[in-house]
Amino acid sequence: MKRCVVVLAFAAALGAAACNKDSTSGTVSAPSTTRTTDTFTGTVPVGGSVFHSFPVSKTGTTDVDLTSTSPVATVVMGLALGTPGDAGCTPLAGASSPVVAGSTPQITGLTTAGTLCVQVRDVGNQTAPVAYSVTVTHP
């Protein structure tokens, strides 16, 4: 499985926030962020794609995991994290990859507040519609 890492501009802001030094213990602590997990399901037609939009409340790490496919559990699907628009779900730079369903995130990246989308697509090897489940964990 290929793991994609997306790094967007905001590293400086996140780094500054993470430098909250506790003067009594000498350790560096990052502010805690509540994360939400959304689960999306659907069916990708042969040669097609499907996407789901979701809100992100603030800058932080977003993880995307294609958790299952059926009727074939090992079918390679296209998975992308992006922004929704008139043309569908446009993948963020470096946030698109062919993957097989698994139990760990296949795409992880730093995202900002706003509306994002996750896309599941046929990469050209489907012979029948594929039912899927995908989870997105985000701030």
Foldseek 3Di string as FASTA:
>chain_A
DAAWEAEDPCCVVQVVQQQPADVPPRDTGHDDDDKDKDKDKDKAFQQGKDKDKDWAAFKDKKFKFFAAKPPDQFAWKKKAKAAQDPVGGDGDVRGIDTDGGDDGGRYMYIDGGDMMMMMIHHPRPDPGMMITMMMMMHD
